[in-house]
Structures are given as C-alpha cells and as structure tokens.
Amino acid sequence: MFDQRERSLDDLLGEIRELKERMKGILPSYTASMKELSQLPQEFERRFWVSPVEALLEKVKADYQKYQAQAQRADLLGRFMTVGVDIALKAAGIEPIPLPNSLRVGISISASGKIEPALIEDPNRRQGAVLVTYEEFSAIAQRLKDELLKGTIVPTSEDEIPKLIHNLALKSPESFSGECP
C-alpha cells in the first residue's frame, strides 16, 4: 500500500510528539546558553577594567620597593651617624643619645588620584591623603578588582581607578593607618 517514502498520518503525528518532547528537554539548556552568551559583553567589560588595576598595582609596588630601599639606606646612615656621635659623647662624659626610630614606608593615596610611597610618620603629608601600608593597599586594590568583576563598580576611564581606590580606602577604616586632616 504505502511505499517507504509515504508515511501514515499517525506515524507523522507520533514523530511530531516525540520531537516536541525532545525540544522540551533541550529548551532549558538552550535558554541558559543564550542567556550566558548575552552576558559575555558585560563580563568582558568587567574583566577589561581589572587589568588597569593590576597595572597600577605593579607600578605602585615598583615605586614602593624603590622608596623602601632608599629609606633603609637613610635609616642605616642615620644609625651609623648616631653611633659615631654617641661614641664622641661617651668619650666626653655626656649622656648618650638614643637611636632614632626606623623609617616606616607606606602608600599615600590622595583624593586627586595620586598614589605614591610616603613615610608613615611624615608630618608634611598631603592634606586629604590616606596613608596605608603596602599590604593594606594591595587588599584595597583586590577589593576594587572584586567589585569590578561583580559589576557593582563600573568606571568610565582609567583615570577614575586611583580615585576609586581612594574612596575604598576611606570606606574601610580597618584598611588604613590614617587620613591627613
């Protein structure tokens, strides 16, 4: 009656039902894939903003290490000179002077966005600057990267990143040593 190319209406309806069931099984993963695909441009933008933060962190690290080495040389020279003066004072029978405190280096983050190494005990710090240790600065930068990846902070330019770090340093009192009045 029927040749192989012809099918009965019942067979066709059965195949359509079967196809419909398979489609229902595929639909959730398909819609999830499409949703994920539509979010790729947003995720790319979020990841894009993390790289300038990492570059800034590397620059600050290099500057900090250079400044730290200079501070250690100055500290060593100061101690050497103090010992020399102390020997002379002892020879003259005068009370010796105590050794000076070691210089401690931190990172100064100004409201204008300038980030640079600074002495923690420096009385001439920039007004409005937040002074943190390098470890605290790294933690603040990591927090900014996390916020960028979540999408809670979206900068419009690279110039905004140091100011965002300053704002984060102000928001977390446990993260900084002090703010200049």
N, C-alpha and C. Protein backbone atom coordinates (compact mmCIF):
# COMPACT_ATOMS: atom_id res chain seq x y z
N MET A 1 0.79 -1.19 0.00
CA MET A 1 0.00 0.00 0.00
C MET A 1 0.85 1.28 0.00
N PHE A 2 1.56 1.46 1.10
CA PHE A 2 2.42 2.63 1.17
C PHE A 2 3.82 2.24 0.75
N ASP A 3 4.46 3.11 0.03
CA ASP A 3 5.86 2.81 -0.19
C ASP A 3 6.66 3.50 0.93
N GLN A 4 7.95 3.35 0.93
CA GLN A 4 8.78 3.84 2.03
C GLN A 4 8.77 5.36 2.12
N ARG A 5 8.52 6.03 1.07
CA ARG A 5 8.55 7.49 1.08
C ARG A 5 7.27 8.07 1.66
N GLU A 6 6.26 7.31 1.67
CA GLU A 6 5.00 7.80 2.21
C GLU A 6 4.85 7.30 3.63
N ARG A 7 4.22 8.14 4.44
CA ARG A 7 4.01 7.77 5.83
C ARG A 7 2.55 7.98 6.15
N SER A 8 2.17 7.28 7.14
CA SER A 8 0.78 7.47 7.55
C SER A 8 0.69 8.70 8.44
N LEU A 9 -0.46 9.25 8.53
CA LEU A 9 -0.70 10.43 9.34
C LEU A 9 -0.42 10.13 10.82
N ASP A 10 -0.75 8.95 11.26
CA ASP A 10 -0.48 8.57 12.66
C ASP A 10 1.02 8.55 12.94
N ASP A 11 1.81 8.02 12.01
CA ASP A 11 3.26 8.00 12.19
C ASP A 11 3.81 9.42 12.26
N LEU A 12 3.31 10.30 11.42
CA LEU A 12 3.76 11.69 11.40
C LEU A 12 3.41 12.39 12.71
N LEU A 13 2.22 12.19 13.20
CA LEU A 13 1.83 12.78 14.48
C LEU A 13 2.67 12.23 15.62
N GLY A 14 3.00 10.98 15.59
CA GLY A 14 3.85 10.37 16.61
C GLY A 14 5.24 10.98 16.59
N GLU A 15 5.78 11.17 15.40
CA GLU A 15 7.11 11.78 15.29
C GLU A 15 7.08 13.23 15.77
N ILE A 16 6.01 13.94 15.49
CA ILE A 16 5.90 15.34 15.94
C ILE A 16 5.84 15.38 17.47
N ARG A 17 5.07 14.49 18.09
CA ARG A 17 5.02 14.44 19.56
C ARG A 17 6.40 14.13 20.15
N GLU A 18 7.08 13.18 19.54
CA GLU A 18 8.42 12.80 20.00
C GLU A 18 9.39 13.97 19.87
N LEU A 19 9.30 14.66 18.76
CA LEU A 19 10.14 15.84 18.54
C LEU A 19 9.81 16.93 19.54
N LYS A 20 8.55 17.11 19.84
CA LYS A 20 8.12 18.11 20.82
C LYS A 20 8.69 17.79 22.20
N GLU A 21 8.70 16.54 22.60
CA GLU A 21 9.24 16.13 23.90
C GLU A 21 10.76 16.36 23.96
N ARG A 22 11.44 16.04 22.87
CA ARG A 22 12.88 16.28 22.83
C ARG A 22 13.18 17.77 22.90
N MET A 23 12.36 18.58 22.26
CA MET A 23 12.54 20.04 22.31
C MET A 23 12.36 20.55 23.73
N LYS A 24 11.36 20.01 24.44
CA LYS A 24 11.14 20.42 25.83
C LYS A 24 12.36 20.08 26.69
N GLY A 25 13.02 18.99 26.41
CA GLY A 25 14.22 18.60 27.15
C GLY A 25 15.41 19.49 26.82
N ILE A 26 15.49 19.95 25.61
CA ILE A 26 16.62 20.77 25.16
C ILE A 26 16.43 22.24 25.53
N LEU A 27 15.22 22.70 25.62
CA LEU A 27 14.91 24.12 25.80
C LEU A 27 15.59 24.75 27.02
N PRO A 28 15.57 24.16 28.22
CA PRO A 28 16.22 24.82 29.36
C PRO A 28 17.72 25.06 29.14
N SER A 29 18.43 24.08 28.63
CA SER A 29 19.86 24.29 28.41
C SER A 29 20.10 25.29 27.28
N TYR A 30 19.23 25.30 26.29
CA TYR A 30 19.36 26.26 25.19
C TYR A 30 19.16 27.68 25.70
N THR A 31 18.12 27.90 26.50
CA THR A 31 17.87 29.25 27.01
C THR A 31 18.98 29.68 27.97
N ALA A 32 19.49 28.74 28.78
CA ALA A 32 20.60 29.07 29.67
C ALA A 32 21.84 29.45 28.86
N SER A 33 22.11 28.73 27.79
CA SER A 33 23.25 29.05 26.92
C SER A 33 23.09 30.41 26.27
N MET A 34 21.89 30.72 25.82
CA MET A 34 21.64 32.02 25.19
C MET A 34 21.79 33.15 26.20
N LYS A 35 21.32 32.93 27.43
CA LYS A 35 21.46 33.95 28.48
C LYS A 35 22.93 34.19 28.78
N GLU A 36 23.70 33.11 28.89
CA GLU A 36 25.14 33.21 29.15
C GLU A 36 25.84 33.93 27.99
N LEU A 37 25.46 33.63 26.79
CA LEU A 37 26.03 34.27 25.62
C LEU A 37 25.72 35.77 25.61
N SER A 38 24.53 36.13 26.02
CA SER A 38 24.16 37.56 26.02
C SER A 38 24.91 38.33 27.09
N GLN A 39 25.43 37.65 28.12
CA GLN A 39 26.16 38.32 29.19
C GLN A 39 27.65 38.44 28.90
N LEU A 40 28.14 37.82 27.87
CA LEU A 40 29.57 37.87 27.56
C LEU A 40 30.10 39.28 27.36
N PRO A 41 29.41 40.17 26.65
CA PRO A 41 29.96 41.53 26.52
C PRO A 41 30.10 42.24 27.87
N GLN A 42 29.15 42.04 28.78
CA GLN A 42 29.23 42.66 30.10
C GLN A 42 30.40 42.08 30.88
N GLU A 43 30.57 40.77 30.82
CA GLU A 43 31.68 40.13 31.54
C GLU A 43 33.01 40.59 30.96
N PHE A 44 33.09 40.73 29.65
CA PHE A 44 34.32 41.21 29.02
C PHE A 44 34.65 42.61 29.53
N GLU A 45 33.65 43.48 29.61
CA GLU A 45 33.88 44.84 30.10
C GLU A 45 34.38 44.83 31.54
N ARG A 46 33.77 43.98 32.38
CA ARG A 46 34.19 43.89 33.78
C ARG A 46 35.63 43.40 33.87
N ARG A 47 35.97 42.40 33.10
CA ARG A 47 37.35 41.89 33.13
C ARG A 47 38.32 42.89 32.53
N PHE A 48 37.86 43.68 31.58
CA PHE A 48 38.70 44.71 30.96
C PHE A 48 39.18 45.70 32.01
N TRP A 49 38.31 46.09 32.94
CA TRP A 49 38.67 47.11 33.94
C TRP A 49 39.59 46.57 35.03
N VAL A 50 39.71 45.27 35.14
CA VAL A 50 40.60 44.69 36.15
C VAL A 50 42.07 44.90 35.74
N SER A 51 42.37 44.85 34.45
CA SER A 51 43.77 44.96 34.01
C SER A 51 44.40 46.32 34.35
N PRO A 52 43.71 47.46 34.24
CA PRO A 52 44.36 48.70 34.68
C PRO A 52 44.64 48.73 36.19
N VAL A 53 43.80 48.06 36.97
CA VAL A 53 44.04 47.99 38.42
C VAL A 53 45.30 47.17 38.67
N GLU A 54 45.46 46.07 37.96
CA GLU A 54 46.65 45.24 38.12
C GLU A 54 47.91 46.00 37.67
N ALA A 55 47.80 46.77 36.60
CA ALA A 55 48.95 47.56 36.13
C ALA A 55 49.32 48.63 37.15
N LEU A 56 48.32 49.28 37.73
CA LEU A 56 48.56 50.28 38.77
C LEU A 56 49.22 49.63 39.98
N LEU A 57 48.75 48.47 40.36
CA LEU A 57 49.30 47.75 41.50
C LEU A 57 50.78 47.42 41.26
N GLU A 58 51.13 47.00 40.07
CA GLU A 58 52.53 46.70 39.73
C GLU A 58 53.40 47.96 39.77
N LYS A 59 52.87 49.06 39.26
CA LYS A 59 53.62 50.32 39.27
C LYS A 59 53.86 50.78 40.70
N VAL A 60 52.82 50.74 41.53
CA VAL A 60 52.94 51.16 42.92
C VAL A 60 53.92 50.24 43.66
N LYS A 61 53.89 48.95 43.36
CA LYS A 61 54.81 48.00 44.00
C LYS A 61 56.26 48.35 43.67
N ALA A 62 56.53 48.65 42.41
CA ALA A 62 57.89 49.00 42.00
C ALA A 62 58.35 50.30 42.68
N ASP A 63 57.47 51.32 42.69
CA ASP A 63 57.80 52.58 43.35
C ASP A 63 58.02 52.37 44.85
N TYR A 64 57.17 51.55 45.45
CA TYR A 64 57.28 51.28 46.89
C TYR A 64 58.60 50.59 47.22
N GLN A 65 58.98 49.60 46.42
CA GLN A 65 60.23 48.89 46.68
C GLN A 65 61.44 49.81 46.53
N LYS A 66 61.40 50.69 45.55
CA LYS A 66 62.49 51.65 45.35
C LYS A 66 62.57 52.62 46.54
N TYR A 67 61.44 53.12 46.96
CA TYR A 67 61.38 54.06 48.09
C TYR A 67 61.79 53.36 49.38
N GLN A 68 61.37 52.11 49.55
CA GLN A 68 61.72 51.32 50.73
C GLN A 68 63.23 51.15 50.81
N ALA A 69 63.88 50.87 49.68
CA ALA A 69 65.34 50.71 49.66
C ALA A 69 66.03 52.02 50.03
N GLN A 70 65.52 53.14 49.54
CA GLN A 70 66.10 54.45 49.89
C GLN A 70 65.92 54.72 51.38
N ALA A 71 64.77 54.39 51.92
CA ALA A 71 64.51 54.61 53.35
C ALA A 71 65.44 53.74 54.20
N GLN A 72 65.69 52.52 53.76
CA GLN A 72 66.60 51.64 54.51
C GLN A 72 68.02 52.17 54.48
N ARG A 73 68.45 52.71 53.33
CA ARG A 73 69.79 53.31 53.25
C ARG A 73 69.88 54.52 54.17
N ALA A 74 68.85 55.37 54.17
CA ALA A 74 68.84 56.55 55.03
C ALA A 74 68.81 56.14 56.50
N ASP A 75 68.07 55.11 56.82
CA ASP A 75 67.98 54.61 58.19
C ASP A 75 69.34 54.08 58.66
N LEU A 76 70.01 53.32 57.79
CA LEU A 76 71.33 52.79 58.12
C LEU A 76 72.34 53.92 58.32
N LEU A 77 72.32 54.90 57.46
CA LEU A 77 73.22 56.04 57.58
C LEU A 77 72.93 56.81 58.87
N GLY A 78 71.66 57.01 59.19
CA GLY A 78 71.29 57.71 60.43
C GLY A 78 71.77 56.95 61.66
N ARG A 79 71.62 55.65 61.66
CA ARG A 79 72.08 54.83 62.80
C ARG A 79 73.62 54.89 62.91
N PHE A 80 74.30 54.84 61.77
CA PHE A 80 75.76 54.91 61.77
C PHE A 80 76.22 56.24 62.35
N MET A 81 75.57 57.31 61.92
CA MET A 81 75.95 58.64 62.42
C MET A 81 75.61 58.77 63.91
N THR A 82 74.51 58.22 64.35
CA THR A 82 74.13 58.28 65.76
C THR A 82 75.13 57.53 66.63
N VAL A 83 75.59 56.37 66.17
CA VAL A 83 76.60 55.60 66.91
C VAL A 83 77.90 56.40 66.99
N GLY A 84 78.28 57.07 65.90
CA GLY A 84 79.50 57.89 65.91
C GLY A 84 79.39 59.04 66.89
N VAL A 85 78.26 59.72 66.90
CA VAL A 85 78.05 60.83 67.84
C VAL A 85 77.99 60.28 69.26
N ASP A 86 77.38 59.14 69.43
CA ASP A 86 77.25 58.52 70.75
C ASP A 86 78.63 58.20 71.33
N ILE A 87 79.55 57.69 70.50
CA ILE A 87 80.91 57.38 70.95
C ILE A 87 81.61 58.65 71.40
N ALA A 88 81.44 59.73 70.62
CA ALA A 88 82.06 61.01 70.98
C ALA A 88 81.47 61.55 72.28
N LEU A 89 80.18 61.41 72.47
CA LEU A 89 79.54 61.90 73.69
C LEU A 89 79.99 61.10 74.91
N LYS A 90 80.12 59.80 74.75
CA LYS A 90 80.59 58.94 75.85
C LYS A 90 82.01 59.31 76.23
N ALA A 91 82.85 59.60 75.23
CA ALA A 91 84.24 59.98 75.50
C ALA A 91 84.30 61.30 76.25
N ALA A 92 83.34 62.18 76.02
CA ALA A 92 83.32 63.47 76.70
C ALA A 92 82.57 63.38 78.02
N GLY A 93 82.03 62.21 78.35
CA GLY A 93 81.32 62.01 79.60
C GLY A 93 79.89 62.54 79.58
N ILE A 94 79.34 62.71 78.41
CA ILE A 94 77.97 63.22 78.26
C ILE A 94 77.03 62.04 78.01
N GLU A 95 75.80 62.22 78.47
CA GLU A 95 74.78 61.18 78.29
C GLU A 95 74.62 60.86 76.81
N PRO A 96 74.64 59.55 76.43
CA PRO A 96 74.49 59.18 75.02
C PRO A 96 73.05 59.45 74.53
N ILE A 97 72.91 59.60 73.23
CA ILE A 97 71.58 59.82 72.64
C ILE A 97 71.01 58.48 72.16
N PRO A 98 69.69 58.34 72.24
CA PRO A 98 69.10 57.07 71.79
C PRO A 98 69.11 56.97 70.26
N LEU A 99 69.05 55.74 69.77
CA LEU A 99 68.99 55.53 68.33
C LEU A 99 67.63 56.01 67.80
N PRO A 100 67.62 56.59 66.61
CA PRO A 100 66.33 57.04 66.05
C PRO A 100 65.46 55.84 65.66
N ASN A 101 64.17 56.10 65.61
CA ASN A 101 63.24 55.06 65.16
C ASN A 101 63.48 54.76 63.69
N SER A 102 63.25 53.51 63.31
CA SER A 102 63.39 53.13 61.90
C SER A 102 62.31 53.82 61.09
N LEU A 103 62.65 54.15 59.85
CA LEU A 103 61.70 54.78 58.95
C LEU A 103 60.72 53.73 58.44
N ARG A 104 59.44 54.05 58.52
CA ARG A 104 58.43 53.13 58.01
C ARG A 104 57.80 53.74 56.76
N VAL A 105 57.72 52.94 55.72
CA VAL A 105 57.22 53.41 54.43
C VAL A 105 55.81 52.86 54.22
N GLY A 106 54.95 53.73 53.69
CA GLY A 106 53.59 53.33 53.35
C GLY A 106 53.23 53.87 51.98
N ILE A 107 51.96 53.82 51.68
CA ILE A 107 51.45 54.33 50.40
C ILE A 107 50.48 55.45 50.69
N SER A 108 50.71 56.59 50.07
CA SER A 108 49.83 57.74 50.21
C SER A 108 48.86 57.77 49.01
N ILE A 109 47.57 57.84 49.33
CA ILE A 109 46.54 57.87 48.29
C ILE A 109 45.79 59.19 48.44
N SER A 110 46.00 60.10 47.51
CA SER A 110 45.34 61.40 47.62
C SER A 110 43.99 61.38 46.92
N ALA A 111 43.15 62.33 47.30
CA ALA A 111 41.82 62.43 46.71
C ALA A 111 41.88 62.74 45.22
N SER A 112 42.96 63.39 44.79
CA SER A 112 43.11 63.72 43.36
C SER A 112 43.47 62.50 42.53
N GLY A 113 43.85 61.40 43.21
CA GLY A 113 44.19 60.19 42.48
C GLY A 113 45.67 59.90 42.43
N LYS A 114 46.48 60.73 43.08
CA LYS A 114 47.92 60.49 43.08
C LYS A 114 48.23 59.43 44.13
N ILE A 115 48.92 58.38 43.70
CA ILE A 115 49.30 57.29 44.59
C ILE A 115 50.82 57.18 44.56
N GLU A 116 51.43 57.32 45.74
CA GLU A 116 52.88 57.31 45.80
C GLU A 116 53.36 56.81 47.16
N PRO A 117 54.59 56.31 47.23
CA PRO A 117 55.13 55.92 48.53
C PRO A 117 55.36 57.15 49.40
N ALA A 118 55.24 56.97 50.72
CA ALA A 118 55.45 58.07 51.66
C ALA A 118 55.87 57.49 53.00
N LEU A 119 56.50 58.32 53.81
CA LEU A 119 56.85 57.90 55.16
C LEU A 119 55.61 57.97 56.03
N ILE A 120 55.41 56.95 56.84
CA ILE A 120 54.22 56.90 57.67
C ILE A 120 54.22 58.00 58.73
N GLU A 121 55.36 58.31 59.30
CA GLU A 121 55.44 59.35 60.33
C GLU A 121 55.70 60.74 59.76
N ASP A 122 55.58 60.93 58.48
CA ASP A 122 55.87 62.21 57.84
C ASP A 122 54.86 63.27 58.29
N PRO A 123 55.33 64.33 58.95
CA PRO A 123 54.40 65.37 59.40
C PRO A 123 53.92 66.27 58.25
N ASN A 124 54.59 66.22 57.12
CA ASN A 124 54.24 67.07 55.97
C ASN A 124 53.46 66.31 54.91
N ARG A 125 52.63 65.36 55.32
CA ARG A 125 51.86 64.59 54.35
C ARG A 125 50.87 65.48 53.63
N ARG A 126 50.45 65.02 52.46
CA ARG A 126 49.44 65.76 51.69
C ARG A 126 48.13 65.81 52.45
N GLN A 127 47.51 66.94 52.38
CA GLN A 127 46.22 67.10 53.04
C GLN A 127 45.16 66.29 52.30
N GLY A 128 44.35 65.56 53.06
CA GLY A 128 43.29 64.75 52.47
C GLY A 128 43.75 63.40 51.96
N ALA A 129 45.04 63.10 52.11
CA ALA A 129 45.56 61.82 51.63
C ALA A 129 45.34 60.74 52.69
N VAL A 130 45.13 59.54 52.22
CA VAL A 130 45.00 58.38 53.10
C VAL A 130 46.33 57.65 53.04
N LEU A 131 46.87 57.30 54.21
CA LEU A 131 48.15 56.62 54.27
C LEU A 131 47.92 55.18 54.72
N VAL A 132 48.36 54.24 53.91
CA VAL A 132 48.18 52.82 54.21
C VAL A 132 49.50 52.09 54.03
N THR A 133 49.60 50.90 54.61
CA THR A 133 50.77 50.07 54.35
C THR A 133 50.62 49.47 52.95
N TYR A 134 51.70 48.90 52.43
CA TYR A 134 51.60 48.30 51.10
C TYR A 134 50.63 47.13 51.11
N GLU A 135 50.63 46.36 52.18
CA GLU A 135 49.72 45.21 52.29
C GLU A 135 48.27 45.68 52.28
N GLU A 136 47.99 46.78 53.00
CA GLU A 136 46.63 47.32 53.01
C GLU A 136 46.25 47.84 51.63
N PHE A 137 47.20 48.47 50.96
CA PHE A 137 46.94 48.96 49.60
C PHE A 137 46.60 47.79 48.67
N SER A 138 47.37 46.71 48.79
CA SER A 138 47.10 45.53 47.96
C SER A 138 45.71 44.97 48.23
N ALA A 139 45.31 44.96 49.51
CA ALA A 139 43.98 44.46 49.87
C ALA A 139 42.89 45.37 49.29
N ILE A 140 43.11 46.68 49.32
CA ILE A 140 42.14 47.62 48.76
C ILE A 140 42.03 47.43 47.24
N ALA A 141 43.17 47.26 46.58
CA ALA A 141 43.17 47.03 45.13
C ALA A 141 42.45 45.72 44.79
N GLN A 142 42.66 44.69 45.61
CA GLN A 142 41.97 43.41 45.39
C GLN A 142 40.46 43.59 45.57
N ARG A 143 40.08 44.38 46.56
CA ARG A 143 38.65 44.63 46.78
C ARG A 143 38.05 45.37 45.58
N LEU A 144 38.80 46.32 45.02
CA LEU A 144 38.32 47.03 43.83
C LEU A 144 38.17 46.05 42.67
N LYS A 145 39.15 45.15 42.48
CA LYS A 145 39.04 44.17 41.40
C LYS A 145 37.80 43.30 41.59
N ASP A 146 37.54 42.89 42.82
CA ASP A 146 36.35 42.07 43.10
C ASP A 146 35.07 42.84 42.77
N GLU A 147 35.03 44.12 43.15
CA GLU A 147 33.85 44.95 42.86
C GLU A 147 33.67 45.14 41.35
N LEU A 148 34.77 45.29 40.64
CA LEU A 148 34.71 45.43 39.19
C LEU A 148 34.18 44.16 38.54
N LEU A 149 34.65 43.01 39.01
CA LEU A 149 34.20 41.74 38.44
C LEU A 149 32.73 41.46 38.75
N LYS A 150 32.27 41.91 39.90
CA LYS A 150 30.85 41.75 40.24
C LYS A 150 29.98 42.70 39.43
N GLY A 151 30.57 43.79 38.98
CA GLY A 151 29.81 44.78 38.24
C GLY A 151 29.19 45.84 39.13
N THR A 152 29.54 45.86 40.42
CA THR A 152 28.99 46.88 41.32
C THR A 152 29.64 48.23 41.11
N ILE A 153 30.86 48.23 40.59
CA ILE A 153 31.56 49.48 40.23
C ILE A 153 31.92 49.38 38.76
N VAL A 154 31.56 50.41 38.00
CA VAL A 154 31.88 50.44 36.57
C VAL A 154 32.51 51.80 36.25
N PRO A 155 33.84 51.84 36.13
CA PRO A 155 34.50 53.11 35.80
C PRO A 155 34.24 53.50 34.34
N THR A 156 34.44 54.77 34.07
CA THR A 156 34.27 55.24 32.70
C THR A 156 35.62 55.51 32.03
N SER A 157 36.68 55.66 32.86
CA SER A 157 38.02 55.86 32.30
C SER A 157 39.06 55.33 33.28
N GLU A 158 40.29 55.14 32.78
CA GLU A 158 41.37 54.65 33.63
C GLU A 158 41.75 55.67 34.68
N ASP A 159 41.54 56.96 34.42
CA ASP A 159 41.86 58.00 35.39
C ASP A 159 41.02 57.89 36.65
N GLU A 160 39.90 57.22 36.55
CA GLU A 160 38.99 57.06 37.67
C GLU A 160 39.48 56.03 38.69
N ILE A 161 40.33 55.12 38.28
CA ILE A 161 40.72 54.00 39.13
C ILE A 161 41.44 54.44 40.41
N PRO A 162 42.45 55.34 40.37
CA PRO A 162 43.06 55.78 41.62
C PRO A 162 42.07 56.46 42.57
N LYS A 163 41.11 57.19 42.02
CA LYS A 163 40.10 57.84 42.86
C LYS A 163 39.18 56.80 43.49
N LEU A 164 38.89 55.73 42.75
CA LEU A 164 38.08 54.65 43.31
C LEU A 164 38.83 53.95 44.45
N ILE A 165 40.13 53.79 44.28
CA ILE A 165 40.95 53.20 45.35
C ILE A 165 40.92 54.12 46.58
N HIS A 166 41.02 55.42 46.37
CA HIS A 166 40.95 56.37 47.48
C HIS A 166 39.61 56.26 48.20
N ASN A 167 38.53 56.19 47.44
CA ASN A 167 37.20 56.07 48.04
C ASN A 167 37.07 54.78 48.84
N LEU A 168 37.59 53.68 48.32
CA LEU A 168 37.54 52.41 49.05
C LEU A 168 38.38 52.46 50.32
N ALA A 169 39.52 53.16 50.26
CA ALA A 169 40.36 53.29 51.44
C ALA A 169 39.64 54.10 52.52
N LEU A 170 38.87 55.10 52.10
CA LEU A 170 38.11 55.89 53.08
C LEU A 170 36.96 55.10 53.68
N LYS A 171 36.37 54.21 52.91
CA LYS A 171 35.21 53.45 53.37
C LYS A 171 35.57 52.34 54.34
N SER A 172 36.81 51.88 54.32
CA SER A 172 37.18 50.76 55.19
C SER A 172 38.19 51.24 56.22
N PRO A 173 37.71 51.64 57.41
CA PRO A 173 38.62 52.18 58.43
C PRO A 173 39.67 51.19 58.91
N GLU A 174 39.40 49.89 58.83
CA GLU A 174 40.40 48.92 59.25
C GLU A 174 41.50 48.79 58.21
N SER A 175 41.31 49.38 57.04
CA SER A 175 42.27 49.20 55.96
C SER A 175 43.31 50.29 55.84
N PHE A 176 43.27 51.30 56.72
CA PHE A 176 44.30 52.31 56.55
C PHE A 176 44.81 52.82 57.88
N SER A 177 46.02 53.34 57.84
CA SER A 177 46.70 53.80 59.05
C SER A 177 46.22 55.16 59.49
N GLY A 178 45.79 55.98 58.57
CA GLY A 178 45.32 57.31 58.95
C GLY A 178 45.09 58.19 57.77
N GLU A 179 44.26 59.20 58.01
CA GLU A 179 43.98 60.19 56.98
C GLU A 179 44.52 61.51 57.46
N CYS A 180 45.09 62.25 56.56
CA CYS A 180 45.60 63.57 56.91
C CYS A 180 44.44 64.54 57.04
N PRO A 181 44.47 65.40 58.03
CA PRO A 181 43.41 66.40 58.17
C PRO A 181 43.50 67.46 57.10
